[in-house]
Every structure is written in structure tokens, then in C-alpha cells.
N, C-alpha and C. Protein backbone atom coordinates (compact mmCIF):
# COMPACT_ATOMS: atom_id res chain seq x y z
N MET A 1 106.88 84.60 113.21
CA MET A 1 107.38 85.96 112.83
C MET A 1 109.00 85.87 113.34
N ARG A 2 109.38 85.38 114.36
CA ARG A 2 110.71 85.24 114.77
C ARG A 2 111.61 84.46 113.76
N GLU A 3 110.99 83.31 113.30
CA GLU A 3 111.58 82.39 112.49
C GLU A 3 111.90 83.18 110.99
N ALA A 4 110.83 83.79 110.65
CA ALA A 4 111.04 84.37 109.31
C ALA A 4 112.03 85.62 109.52
N ALA A 5 112.06 86.36 110.47
CA ALA A 5 112.93 87.55 110.63
C ALA A 5 114.33 86.90 110.78
N LYS A 6 114.62 85.75 111.45
CA LYS A 6 115.83 85.10 111.53
C LYS A 6 116.38 84.75 110.13
N SER A 7 115.44 84.15 109.34
CA SER A 7 115.81 83.72 107.92
C SER A 7 116.20 84.74 107.06
N ALA A 8 115.27 85.95 107.18
CA ALA A 8 115.54 87.07 106.36
C ALA A 8 116.86 87.72 106.72
N ALA A 9 117.13 87.79 107.98
CA ALA A 9 118.40 88.48 108.41
C ALA A 9 119.50 87.63 107.97
N GLU A 10 119.63 86.26 108.02
CA GLU A 10 120.64 85.49 107.54
C GLU A 10 120.72 85.49 106.03
N PHE A 11 119.55 85.64 105.30
CA PHE A 11 119.66 85.85 103.94
C PHE A 11 120.45 87.16 103.54
N CYS A 12 120.07 88.08 104.13
CA CYS A 12 120.71 89.43 103.88
C CYS A 12 122.17 89.60 104.22
N LYS A 13 122.39 88.85 105.45
CA LYS A 13 123.96 88.95 105.87
C LYS A 13 124.76 88.10 104.94
N HIS A 14 124.22 87.03 104.25
CA HIS A 14 125.12 86.18 103.39
C HIS A 14 125.29 87.06 102.07
N ARG A 15 124.55 88.12 101.86
CA ARG A 15 124.65 88.77 100.66
C ARG A 15 125.12 90.34 100.99
N ASP A 16 125.85 90.29 101.91
CA ASP A 16 126.43 91.66 102.35
C ASP A 16 125.33 92.84 102.38
N CYS A 17 124.26 92.53 102.91
CA CYS A 17 123.14 93.60 102.87
C CYS A 17 122.81 93.67 104.50
N ASP A 18 122.74 94.82 105.04
CA ASP A 18 122.23 95.00 106.37
C ASP A 18 120.57 95.09 106.25
N ILE A 19 119.93 94.00 106.96
CA ILE A 19 118.55 94.08 106.83
C ILE A 19 117.78 95.29 107.38
N SER A 20 118.37 95.82 108.39
CA SER A 20 117.72 97.17 108.83
C SER A 20 117.82 98.22 107.74
N ASP A 21 118.95 98.26 107.01
CA ASP A 21 119.12 99.31 106.02
C ASP A 21 117.86 98.98 104.90
N LEU A 22 117.84 97.72 104.66
CA LEU A 22 116.91 97.35 103.61
C LEU A 22 115.38 97.72 104.06
N ALA A 23 115.13 97.36 105.35
CA ALA A 23 113.80 97.53 105.89
C ALA A 23 113.51 99.19 105.92
N LEU A 24 114.43 99.96 106.23
CA LEU A 24 114.26 101.48 106.31
C LEU A 24 114.14 101.87 104.80
N ARG A 25 114.94 101.32 103.99
CA ARG A 25 114.71 101.85 102.55
C ARG A 25 113.38 101.35 102.03
N PHE A 26 112.95 100.27 102.22
CA PHE A 26 111.72 99.84 101.83
C PHE A 26 110.62 100.70 102.44
N CYS A 27 110.72 101.18 103.53
CA CYS A 27 109.73 102.26 104.11
C CYS A 27 109.83 103.41 103.44
N PHE A 28 111.00 103.87 103.19
CA PHE A 28 111.12 105.26 102.38
C PHE A 28 110.48 105.15 101.00
N ASP A 29 110.53 103.87 100.45
CA ASP A 29 110.15 103.79 99.06
C ASP A 29 108.64 103.32 98.93
N TYR A 30 108.03 102.80 99.97
CA TYR A 30 106.76 102.31 99.97
C TYR A 30 105.70 103.37 99.40
N PRO A 31 104.93 103.37 98.35
CA PRO A 31 104.31 104.36 97.76
C PRO A 31 102.94 104.68 98.48
N LYS A 32 102.52 103.86 99.39
CA LYS A 32 101.22 104.07 100.08
C LYS A 32 101.41 104.82 101.56
N VAL A 33 102.74 104.95 101.76
CA VAL A 33 103.05 105.70 102.96
C VAL A 33 103.66 106.98 102.78
N ALA A 34 103.13 108.12 103.28
CA ALA A 34 103.63 109.37 103.06
C ALA A 34 104.83 109.90 103.91
N THR A 35 104.94 109.19 105.17
CA THR A 35 105.84 109.69 106.19
C THR A 35 106.44 108.28 106.81
N THR A 36 107.72 108.36 106.91
CA THR A 36 108.43 107.27 107.77
C THR A 36 109.16 108.06 108.86
N LEU A 37 108.90 107.69 110.06
CA LEU A 37 109.61 108.20 111.30
C LEU A 37 110.73 107.25 111.71
N VAL A 38 111.90 107.79 111.98
CA VAL A 38 112.95 107.07 112.27
C VAL A 38 113.57 107.50 113.53
N GLY A 39 113.59 106.57 114.53
CA GLY A 39 114.22 106.96 115.88
C GLY A 39 115.67 106.87 115.87
N MET A 40 116.47 107.84 116.40
CA MET A 40 117.79 107.76 116.42
C MET A 40 118.24 108.30 117.74
N ALA A 41 119.22 107.76 118.41
CA ALA A 41 119.70 108.18 119.65
C ALA A 41 121.26 108.62 119.68
N THR A 42 121.84 108.21 118.55
CA THR A 42 123.30 108.58 118.62
C THR A 42 123.65 109.03 117.22
N ARG A 43 124.75 109.75 117.11
CA ARG A 43 125.25 110.24 115.90
C ARG A 43 125.49 109.17 114.84
N GLU A 44 125.96 108.15 115.23
CA GLU A 44 126.22 107.01 114.26
C GLU A 44 124.91 106.51 113.62
N GLN A 45 123.75 106.51 114.61
CA GLN A 45 122.56 106.02 114.15
C GLN A 45 121.99 107.18 113.05
N VAL A 46 122.27 108.49 113.34
CA VAL A 46 121.86 109.37 112.29
C VAL A 46 122.48 109.18 111.13
N HIS A 47 123.79 109.03 111.07
CA HIS A 47 124.72 108.76 109.88
C HIS A 47 124.23 107.56 109.13
N LYS A 48 123.90 106.48 109.92
CA LYS A 48 123.36 105.23 109.16
C LYS A 48 122.11 105.45 108.47
N SER A 49 121.23 106.13 109.11
CA SER A 49 119.94 106.36 108.63
C SER A 49 120.07 107.28 107.35
N LEU A 50 120.88 108.25 107.24
CA LEU A 50 121.03 109.14 106.27
C LEU A 50 121.67 108.42 105.03
N ARG A 51 122.54 107.30 105.47
CA ARG A 51 123.06 106.42 104.32
C ARG A 51 122.16 105.75 103.70
N ALA A 52 121.13 105.16 104.52
CA ALA A 52 120.10 104.23 104.06
C ALA A 52 119.09 105.15 103.11
N PHE A 53 118.96 106.53 103.68
CA PHE A 53 118.08 107.32 102.80
C PHE A 53 118.72 107.63 101.52
N GLU A 54 119.90 107.73 101.35
CA GLU A 54 120.56 108.15 100.28
C GLU A 54 120.89 107.10 99.34
N ALA A 55 120.73 105.76 99.69
CA ALA A 55 120.99 104.57 99.05
C ALA A 55 119.77 104.19 98.24
N PHE A 56 119.87 103.19 97.40
CA PHE A 56 118.76 102.45 96.72
C PHE A 56 118.67 101.01 96.97
N ALA A 57 117.39 100.52 97.38
CA ALA A 57 117.32 99.22 97.68
C ALA A 57 117.34 98.23 96.40
N ASP A 58 118.03 97.21 96.42
CA ASP A 58 118.06 96.41 95.38
C ASP A 58 116.81 95.68 95.30
N PRO A 59 115.91 95.90 94.37
CA PRO A 59 114.59 95.31 94.08
C PRO A 59 114.51 93.80 94.24
N GLN A 60 115.56 93.15 93.73
CA GLN A 60 115.66 91.74 93.88
C GLN A 60 115.74 91.29 95.37
N MET A 61 116.57 91.98 96.11
CA MET A 61 116.70 91.65 97.64
C MET A 61 115.44 91.93 98.27
N VAL A 62 114.67 93.14 97.93
CA VAL A 62 113.47 93.25 98.61
C VAL A 62 112.44 92.15 98.24
N ARG A 63 112.25 91.73 97.15
CA ARG A 63 111.50 90.64 96.55
C ARG A 63 111.74 89.39 97.45
N LYS A 64 112.97 89.12 97.45
CA LYS A 64 113.40 87.77 98.08
C LYS A 64 112.93 87.85 99.70
N VAL A 65 113.12 88.97 100.29
CA VAL A 65 112.93 89.20 101.63
C VAL A 65 111.28 89.11 101.94
N ARG A 66 110.65 89.69 100.92
CA ARG A 66 109.15 89.73 100.93
C ARG A 66 108.63 88.22 100.88
N VAL A 67 109.33 87.43 100.06
CA VAL A 67 108.95 86.11 99.93
C VAL A 67 109.08 85.23 101.20
N ILE A 68 110.23 85.56 101.84
CA ILE A 68 110.41 84.98 103.14
C ILE A 68 109.43 85.20 104.20
N PHE A 69 108.85 86.52 104.25
CA PHE A 69 107.84 87.01 105.20
C PHE A 69 106.49 86.74 104.69
N ALA A 70 106.27 86.42 103.41
CA ALA A 70 104.79 86.24 102.90
C ALA A 70 103.95 85.27 103.77
N PRO A 71 104.46 84.19 104.19
CA PRO A 71 103.56 83.39 104.99
C PRO A 71 103.17 84.07 106.31
N VAL A 72 103.99 84.76 106.92
CA VAL A 72 103.72 85.43 108.12
C VAL A 72 102.78 86.62 108.01
N PHE A 73 103.10 87.50 106.98
CA PHE A 73 102.10 88.46 106.60
C PHE A 73 100.68 88.16 106.27
N ASN A 74 100.64 87.01 105.61
CA ASN A 74 99.28 86.43 105.17
C ASN A 74 98.51 85.81 106.45
N ARG A 75 99.24 85.27 107.32
CA ARG A 75 98.83 84.79 108.47
C ARG A 75 98.37 85.84 109.51
N PHE A 76 99.01 86.98 109.80
CA PHE A 76 98.80 87.93 110.82
C PHE A 76 98.17 89.21 110.38
N TRP A 77 98.37 89.50 109.24
CA TRP A 77 97.88 90.92 108.81
C TRP A 77 96.97 90.71 107.63
N SER A 78 95.99 89.82 107.73
CA SER A 78 95.09 89.74 106.44
C SER A 78 93.74 90.62 106.53
N SER A 79 93.73 91.33 107.67
CA SER A 79 92.44 92.15 107.87
C SER A 79 92.92 93.56 107.73
N GLY A 80 91.76 94.18 107.94
CA GLY A 80 91.92 95.86 107.97
C GLY A 80 91.17 96.47 106.85
N ARG A 81 91.21 97.68 106.95
CA ARG A 81 90.44 98.47 105.94
C ARG A 81 91.15 98.43 104.60
N GLU A 82 90.42 98.31 103.70
CA GLU A 82 90.90 98.06 102.12
C GLU A 82 91.85 99.21 101.79
N GLU A 83 91.54 100.54 102.20
CA GLU A 83 92.26 101.58 101.83
C GLU A 83 93.77 101.67 102.58
N ASN A 84 93.91 100.79 103.56
CA ASN A 84 95.20 100.64 104.23
C ASN A 84 96.03 99.51 103.81
N GLN A 85 95.54 98.84 102.80
CA GLN A 85 96.37 97.62 102.49
C GLN A 85 97.45 98.07 101.48
């Protein structure tokens, strides 16, 4: 998981994309999740989260990051109830 996260973060950094913004936007856009809770402790974090909410995720970036994480997801999260997949 750590290696995949490091690779994904480096991939995003080299393309001027903040991986945390991309991850947050992915959560906002994921059609099978009705609510996304975001923890914020400072004004800057509030503003950053609002910018992520108002922005659009580049679908190509999301696909490429998902490819990086695919082996990890298939290894660790392959079980669970069908309706939660």
C-alpha cells in the first residue's frame, strides 16, 4: 500500500496535481457513495477542501492513479458484500 501511495503521489506531483485534491474529488464524484465527510482543522484546510469541491477531476488522472493502486485493491479489498462494491 505504501509503495503504491508513493508511486501515485509522485505521478501526480510530476503532473502538477495534488493527490489529496484528486482523492477528495474522487470521493465527491463516486456514484455509489452518498456522503463524503471531510475533516478540517484550519481555515486553509477549509478553503482547500472547497477548491477541491468546486474543481473537476481529470478523468485521465483518476484512471492512471487507479491503475497504480489496482494491485493493492485487488489484494486487500476483494471481499465484502456485493452491494458495497
